[in-house]
N, C-alpha and C. Protein backbone atom coordinates (compact mmCIF):
# COMPACT_ATOMS: atom_id res chain seq x y z
N UNK A 1 116.16 151.60 -51.42
CA UNK A 1 117.22 150.78 -51.98
C UNK A 1 118.38 150.74 -51.01
N UNK A 2 118.89 149.57 -50.74
CA UNK A 2 120.04 149.49 -49.83
C UNK A 2 121.30 149.15 -50.61
N UNK A 3 122.41 149.48 -50.02
CA UNK A 3 123.70 149.22 -50.63
C UNK A 3 124.00 147.72 -50.61
N UNK A 4 124.69 147.20 -51.60
CA UNK A 4 125.02 145.76 -51.60
C UNK A 4 125.89 145.34 -50.41
N UNK A 5 126.69 146.26 -49.88
CA UNK A 5 127.55 145.94 -48.74
C UNK A 5 126.81 145.94 -47.41
N UNK A 6 125.59 146.50 -47.39
CA UNK A 6 124.82 146.62 -46.17
C UNK A 6 124.17 145.29 -45.82
N UNK A 7 124.62 144.67 -44.73
CA UNK A 7 124.10 143.36 -44.32
C UNK A 7 123.11 143.47 -43.15
N UNK A 8 122.89 144.66 -42.61
CA UNK A 8 122.11 144.80 -41.39
C UNK A 8 120.74 145.42 -41.62
N UNK A 9 120.57 146.24 -42.63
CA UNK A 9 119.29 146.88 -42.89
C UNK A 9 118.36 145.90 -43.60
N UNK A 10 117.13 145.79 -43.09
CA UNK A 10 116.16 144.90 -43.71
C UNK A 10 115.64 145.52 -45.00
N UNK A 11 115.45 144.70 -45.99
CA UNK A 11 114.88 145.18 -47.24
C UNK A 11 113.37 145.28 -47.08
N UNK A 12 112.79 146.38 -47.54
CA UNK A 12 111.37 146.62 -47.35
C UNK A 12 110.53 145.60 -48.11
N UNK A 13 110.94 145.17 -49.27
CA UNK A 13 110.14 144.30 -50.11
C UNK A 13 110.45 142.83 -49.94
N UNK A 14 111.44 142.50 -49.15
CA UNK A 14 111.81 141.10 -48.93
C UNK A 14 110.91 140.51 -47.84
N UNK A 15 110.17 139.47 -48.17
CA UNK A 15 109.27 138.86 -47.21
C UNK A 15 109.86 137.58 -46.68
N UNK A 16 109.73 137.39 -45.39
CA UNK A 16 110.17 136.16 -44.76
C UNK A 16 109.04 135.15 -44.83
N UNK A 17 109.35 133.85 -44.89
CA UNK A 17 108.29 132.84 -44.89
C UNK A 17 107.56 132.83 -43.56
N UNK A 18 106.31 132.41 -43.59
CA UNK A 18 105.50 132.37 -42.38
C UNK A 18 105.90 131.21 -41.49
N UNK A 19 105.69 131.38 -40.20
CA UNK A 19 105.89 130.29 -39.25
C UNK A 19 107.31 130.18 -38.74
N UNK A 20 107.51 129.17 -37.93
CA UNK A 20 108.80 128.93 -37.32
C UNK A 20 109.74 128.27 -38.34
N UNK A 21 111.01 128.69 -38.39
CA UNK A 21 111.94 128.06 -39.33
C UNK A 21 112.19 126.60 -38.98
N UNK A 22 112.39 125.77 -39.99
CA UNK A 22 112.64 124.35 -39.78
C UNK A 22 114.05 124.13 -39.27
N UNK A 23 114.21 123.12 -38.44
CA UNK A 23 115.55 122.75 -37.99
C UNK A 23 116.26 122.03 -39.12
N UNK A 24 117.59 122.12 -39.16
CA UNK A 24 118.30 121.48 -40.28
C UNK A 24 118.21 119.95 -40.27
N UNK A 25 118.08 119.34 -39.09
CA UNK A 25 118.04 117.87 -39.01
C UNK A 25 116.73 117.41 -38.40
N UNK A 26 115.61 117.99 -38.85
CA UNK A 26 114.30 117.63 -38.31
C UNK A 26 113.93 116.20 -38.72
N UNK A 27 113.31 115.49 -37.80
CA UNK A 27 112.87 114.12 -38.08
C UNK A 27 111.47 114.14 -38.67
N UNK A 28 111.20 113.16 -39.48
CA UNK A 28 109.85 113.03 -40.03
C UNK A 28 108.96 112.37 -38.97
N UNK A 29 107.67 112.43 -39.19
CA UNK A 29 106.74 111.79 -38.27
C UNK A 29 106.97 110.30 -38.18
N UNK A 30 107.33 109.66 -39.30
CA UNK A 30 107.58 108.22 -39.30
C UNK A 30 108.82 107.88 -38.47
N UNK A 31 109.85 108.72 -38.54
CA UNK A 31 111.05 108.48 -37.74
C UNK A 31 110.76 108.62 -36.25
N UNK A 32 109.99 109.65 -35.88
CA UNK A 32 109.64 109.83 -34.48
C UNK A 32 108.80 108.68 -33.96
N UNK A 33 107.84 108.22 -34.76
CA UNK A 33 106.98 107.11 -34.35
C UNK A 33 107.77 105.82 -34.20
N UNK A 34 108.71 105.56 -35.11
CA UNK A 34 109.54 104.35 -35.04
C UNK A 34 110.36 104.35 -33.75
N UNK A 35 110.95 105.50 -33.40
CA UNK A 35 111.74 105.58 -32.18
C UNK A 35 110.86 105.43 -30.93
N UNK A 36 109.66 106.00 -30.98
CA UNK A 36 108.73 105.89 -29.86
C UNK A 36 108.34 104.43 -29.63
N UNK A 37 108.01 103.72 -30.71
CA UNK A 37 107.63 102.31 -30.58
C UNK A 37 108.80 101.46 -30.08
N UNK A 38 110.01 101.80 -30.50
CA UNK A 38 111.19 101.07 -30.02
C UNK A 38 111.39 101.30 -28.52
N UNK A 39 111.15 102.54 -28.06
CA UNK A 39 111.27 102.81 -26.63
C UNK A 39 110.19 102.08 -25.84
N UNK A 40 108.98 102.00 -26.38
CA UNK A 40 107.92 101.25 -25.71
C UNK A 40 108.27 99.77 -25.62
N UNK A 41 108.80 99.23 -26.71
CA UNK A 41 109.13 97.81 -26.77
C UNK A 41 110.25 97.47 -25.78
N UNK A 42 111.21 98.37 -25.62
CA UNK A 42 112.34 98.13 -24.71
C UNK A 42 111.98 98.40 -23.26
N UNK A 43 110.80 98.93 -23.02
CA UNK A 43 110.40 99.21 -21.64
C UNK A 43 110.96 100.51 -21.10
N UNK A 44 111.49 101.34 -21.96
CA UNK A 44 112.03 102.62 -21.50
C UNK A 44 110.91 103.59 -21.17
N UNK A 45 109.74 103.38 -21.74
CA UNK A 45 108.58 104.22 -21.48
C UNK A 45 107.45 103.35 -20.97
N UNK A 46 106.63 103.92 -20.12
CA UNK A 46 105.41 103.20 -19.74
C UNK A 46 104.33 103.60 -20.72
N UNK A 47 103.32 102.79 -20.83
CA UNK A 47 102.27 103.08 -21.78
C UNK A 47 101.34 104.18 -21.28
N UNK A 48 101.44 104.55 -20.01
CA UNK A 48 100.59 105.59 -19.43
C UNK A 48 101.42 106.85 -19.22
N UNK A 49 100.87 107.97 -19.59
CA UNK A 49 101.61 109.23 -19.48
C UNK A 49 101.58 109.79 -18.07
N UNK A 50 100.59 109.43 -17.26
CA UNK A 50 100.48 110.02 -15.93
C UNK A 50 101.29 109.26 -14.86
N UNK A 51 102.02 108.26 -15.24
CA UNK A 51 102.89 107.56 -14.31
C UNK A 51 102.26 106.36 -13.64
N UNK A 52 100.97 106.13 -13.82
CA UNK A 52 100.30 104.97 -13.24
C UNK A 52 100.50 103.77 -14.15
N UNK A 53 101.05 102.71 -13.62
CA UNK A 53 101.28 101.52 -14.45
C UNK A 53 100.12 100.58 -14.40
């Protein structure tokens, strides 16, 4: 049992969620895809990833 004022000792029974924590302003897959297509349309990206046009 830890004291209520103790902010540094980990509680033995408190479990953290699995995996990497989410960012507060994470984009959805649809938002990322929309921005990617807009960049392709504007010519900011080439359609080939290896640099060959």
